[in-house]
Amino acid sequence: QVQLVESGGGLVQPGGSLRLSCAASGFTFSNYAMSWYRQAPGKERELVARITSTSGRKNYADSVKGRFTISRDNAKNTVYLQMNSLKPDDTAVYYCYALVGSIVSWGQGTQVTVSS
């Protein structure tokens, strides 16, 4: 079955950087777009970034444009989120997401905390 496993979260000071990874299995990774979402306490889950199957198109939330970069390695079945210039407002649980056919799949999430 589809499985998404995130890693790379943690505590970082404002202005710092983190790189999240999402290892995918159970489907032909290179055929599908992948996305990162996040959910902060008391807020709805929101789309952070999306990348098409061949990395030809990337989309970002306005709040992260210029600071975050989504990428993928189809040989490793992994999608990444490089997060730079982190702000306290970026504090959230970050989730990997895939829509494989009609199957919606989420990872378990990884906590990112930006605080001094």
C-alpha atoms as a PDB file:
ATOM      1  CA  GLN A   1       0.000   0.000   0.000  1.00  0.00           C
ATOM      2  CA  VAL A   2       1.011   3.638  -0.343  1.00  0.00           C
ATOM      3  CA  GLN A   3       3.327   4.729   2.440  1.00  0.00           C
ATOM      4  CA  LEU A   4       4.837   8.163   3.055  1.00  0.00           C
ATOM      5  CA  VAL A   5       7.406   8.685   5.801  1.00  0.00           C
ATOM      6  CA  GLU A   6       8.613  12.178   6.687  1.00  0.00           C
ATOM      7  CA  SER A   7      11.804  13.066   8.490  1.00  0.00           C
ATOM      8  CA  GLY A   8      13.998  16.071   9.173  1.00  0.00           C
ATOM      9  CA  GLY A   9      11.878  18.175  11.480  1.00  0.00           C
ATOM     10  CA  GLY A  10      13.145  19.732  14.680  1.00  0.00           C
ATOM     11  CA  LEU A  11      13.752  22.886  16.654  1.00  0.00           C
ATOM     12  CA  VAL A  12      15.485  25.737  14.873  1.00  0.00           C
ATOM     13  CA  GLN A  13      16.101  29.393  15.645  1.00  0.00           C
ATOM     14  CA  PRO A  14      14.496  32.136  13.564  1.00  0.00           C
ATOM     15  CA  GLY A  15      16.491  32.654  10.387  1.00  0.00           C
ATOM     16  CA  GLY A  16      17.695  29.069  10.394  1.00  0.00           C
ATOM     17  CA  SER A  17      17.206  26.270   7.902  1.00  0.00           C
ATOM     18  CA  LEU A  18      15.873  22.723   7.816  1.00  0.00           C
ATOM     19  CA  ARG A  19      15.436  20.145   5.089  1.00  0.00           C
ATOM     20  CA  LEU A  20      12.495  17.798   5.263  1.00  0.00           C
ATOM     21  CA  SER A  21      12.417  14.484   3.443  1.00  0.00           C
ATOM     22  CA  CYS A  22       9.522  12.231   2.516  1.00  0.00           C
ATOM     23  CA  ALA A  23      10.294   8.665   1.498  1.00  0.00           C
ATOM     24  CA  ALA A  24       7.543   7.111  -0.595  1.00  0.00           C
ATOM     25  CA  SER A  25       6.743   3.483  -1.314  1.00  0.00           C
ATOM     26  CA  GLY A  26       3.917   1.318  -2.616  1.00  0.00           C
ATOM     27  CA  PHE A  27       3.375   3.155  -5.897  1.00  0.00           C
ATOM     28  CA  THR A  28       5.257   4.328  -8.983  1.00  0.00           C
ATOM     29  CA  PHE A  29       6.623   7.497  -7.443  1.00  0.00           C
ATOM     30  CA  SER A  30       7.877   9.032 -10.675  1.00  0.00           C
ATOM     31  CA  ASN A  31       4.346   9.104 -12.128  1.00  0.00           C
ATOM     32  CA  TYR A  32       2.766  11.333  -9.493  1.00  0.00           C
ATOM     33  CA  ALA A  33       2.867  14.883  -8.241  1.00  0.00           C
ATOM     34  CA  MET A  34       3.836  15.304  -4.596  1.00  0.00           C
ATOM     35  CA  SER A  35       2.979  17.982  -2.072  1.00  0.00           C
ATOM     36  CA  TRP A  36       3.909  19.295   1.335  1.00  0.00           C
ATOM     37  CA  TYR A  37       1.219  20.609   3.692  1.00  0.00           C
ATOM     38  CA  ARG A  38       1.471  22.011   7.179  1.00  0.00           C
ATOM     39  CA  GLN A  39      -0.848  22.472  10.119  1.00  0.00           C
ATOM     40  CA  ALA A  40      -0.197  24.871  12.948  1.00  0.00           C
ATOM     41  CA  PRO A  41      -2.004  24.582  16.304  1.00  0.00           C
ATOM     42  CA  GLY A  42      -5.561  25.832  16.017  1.00  0.00           C
ATOM     43  CA  LYS A  43      -5.311  26.351  12.267  1.00  0.00           C
ATOM     44  CA  GLU A  44      -6.422  24.429   9.205  1.00  0.00           C
ATOM     45  CA  ARG A  45      -4.011  22.329   7.221  1.00  0.00           C
ATOM     46  CA  GLU A  46      -2.604  24.351   4.334  1.00  0.00           C
ATOM     47  CA  LEU A  47      -0.715  23.590   1.141  1.00  0.00           C
ATOM     48  CA  VAL A  48       2.917  24.676   1.328  1.00  0.00           C
ATOM     49  CA  ALA A  49       4.363  23.431  -1.953  1.00  0.00           C
ATOM     50  CA  ARG A  50       3.648  21.062  -4.818  1.00  0.00           C
ATOM     51  CA  ILE A  51       5.874  19.514  -7.467  1.00  0.00           C
ATOM     52  CA  THR A  52       4.831  17.699 -10.616  1.00  0.00           C
ATOM     53  CA  SER A  53       6.045  14.209 -11.460  1.00  0.00           C
ATOM     54  CA  THR A  54       8.979  15.362 -13.591  1.00  0.00           C
ATOM     55  CA  SER A  55       9.732  18.488 -11.506  1.00  0.00           C
ATOM     56  CA  GLY A  56       8.609  20.581 -14.437  1.00  0.00           C
ATOM     57  CA  ARG A  57       6.300  22.718 -12.347  1.00  0.00           C
ATOM     58  CA  LYS A  58       6.503  23.828  -8.746  1.00  0.00           C
ATOM     59  CA  ASN A  59       3.937  25.837  -6.822  1.00  0.00           C
ATOM     60  CA  TYR A  60       4.289  27.534  -3.459  1.00  0.00           C
ATOM     61  CA  ALA A  61       2.110  29.221  -0.904  1.00  0.00           C
ATOM     62  CA  ASP A  62       2.654  32.972  -0.941  1.00  0.00           C
ATOM     63  CA  SER A  63       3.873  32.822   2.648  1.00  0.00           C
ATOM     64  CA  VAL A  64       6.876  30.650   1.740  1.00  0.00           C
ATOM     65  CA  LYS A  65       7.814  31.876  -1.737  1.00  0.00           C
ATOM     66  CA  GLY A  66      11.491  32.754  -1.965  1.00  0.00           C
ATOM     67  CA  ARG A  67      12.294  30.883   1.256  1.00  0.00           C
ATOM     68  CA  PHE A  68      11.225  27.269   0.652  1.00  0.00           C
ATOM     69  CA  THR A  69      12.187  24.991  -2.231  1.00  0.00           C
ATOM     70  CA  ILE A  70      10.512  21.725  -3.109  1.00  0.00           C
ATOM     71  CA  SER A  71      12.442  19.089  -5.047  1.00  0.00           C
ATOM     72  CA  ARG A  72      12.351  15.375  -5.732  1.00  0.00           C
ATOM     73  CA  ASP A  73      14.653  12.513  -6.577  1.00  0.00           C
ATOM     74  CA  ASN A  74      12.686   9.950  -8.546  1.00  0.00           C
ATOM     75  CA  ALA A  75      15.564   7.455  -8.328  1.00  0.00           C
ATOM     76  CA  LYS A  76      15.256   7.546  -4.530  1.00  0.00           C
ATOM     77  CA  ASN A  77      11.463   7.853  -4.357  1.00  0.00           C
ATOM     78  CA  THR A  78      11.916  10.888  -2.159  1.00  0.00           C
ATOM     79  CA  VAL A  79      10.568  14.426  -2.113  1.00  0.00           C
ATOM     80  CA  TYR A  80      12.283  17.213  -0.188  1.00  0.00           C
ATOM     81  CA  LEU A  81      11.396  20.568   1.269  1.00  0.00           C
ATOM     82  CA  GLN A  82      14.321  22.905   1.841  1.00  0.00           C
ATOM     83  CA  MET A  83      13.258  25.608   4.272  1.00  0.00           C
ATOM     84  CA  ASN A  84      15.427  28.698   4.690  1.00  0.00           C
ATOM     85  CA  SER A  85      14.977  31.939   6.612  1.00  0.00           C
ATOM     86  CA  LEU A  86      12.557  30.218   8.926  1.00  0.00           C
ATOM     87  CA  LYS A  87      10.133  32.304  10.964  1.00  0.00           C
ATOM     88  CA  PRO A  88       8.147  31.522  14.118  1.00  0.00           C
ATOM     89  CA  ASP A  89       5.015  31.492  11.932  1.00  0.00           C
ATOM     90  CA  ASP A  90       6.462  28.469  10.120  1.00  0.00           C
ATOM     91  CA  THR A  91       6.015  26.410  13.280  1.00  0.00           C
ATOM     92  CA  ALA A  92       3.715  23.518  12.397  1.00  0.00           C
ATOM     93  CA  VAL A  93       3.497  19.824  11.724  1.00  0.00           C
ATOM     94  CA  TYR A  94       4.556  19.257   8.125  1.00  0.00           C
ATOM     95  CA  TYR A  95       2.921  16.493   6.115  1.00  0.00           C
ATOM     96  CA  CYS A  96       3.789  14.795   2.869  1.00  0.00           C
ATOM     97  CA  TYR A  97       0.819  14.185   0.552  1.00  0.00           C
ATOM     98  CA  ALA A  98       0.142  12.151  -2.553  1.00  0.00           C
ATOM     99  CA  LEU A  99      -2.974  11.484  -4.591  1.00  0.00           C
ATOM    100  CA  VAL A 100      -2.419   8.122  -6.249  1.00  0.00           C
ATOM    101  CA  GLY A 101      -5.357   7.488  -8.525  1.00  0.00           C
ATOM    102  CA  SER A 102      -8.287   7.949  -6.170  1.00  0.00           C
ATOM    103  CA  ILE A 103      -6.247   7.164  -3.054  1.00  0.00           C
ATOM    104  CA  VAL A 104      -5.366  10.107  -0.823  1.00  0.00           C
ATOM    105  CA  SER A 105      -2.270   9.405   1.218  1.00  0.00           C
ATOM    106  CA  TRP A 106      -0.673  11.361   4.066  1.00  0.00           C
ATOM    107  CA  GLY A 107       2.489  10.792   5.990  1.00  0.00           C
ATOM    108  CA  GLN A 108       2.525  10.798   9.771  1.00  0.00           C
ATOM    109  CA  GLY A 109       3.924  14.322   9.908  1.00  0.00           C
ATOM    110  CA  THR A 110       7.098  15.859  11.263  1.00  0.00           C
ATOM    111  CA  GLN A 111       7.163  18.711  13.766  1.00  0.00           C
ATOM    112  CA  VAL A 112       8.981  21.926  12.876  1.00  0.00           C
ATOM    113  CA  THR A 113       9.399  24.453  15.669  1.00  0.00           C
ATOM    114  CA  VAL A 114      10.961  27.849  15.035  1.00  0.00           C
ATOM    115  CA  SER A 115      11.832  29.551  18.279  1.00  0.00           C
ATOM    116  CA  SER A 116      14.650  31.338  20.013  1.00  0.00           C
END
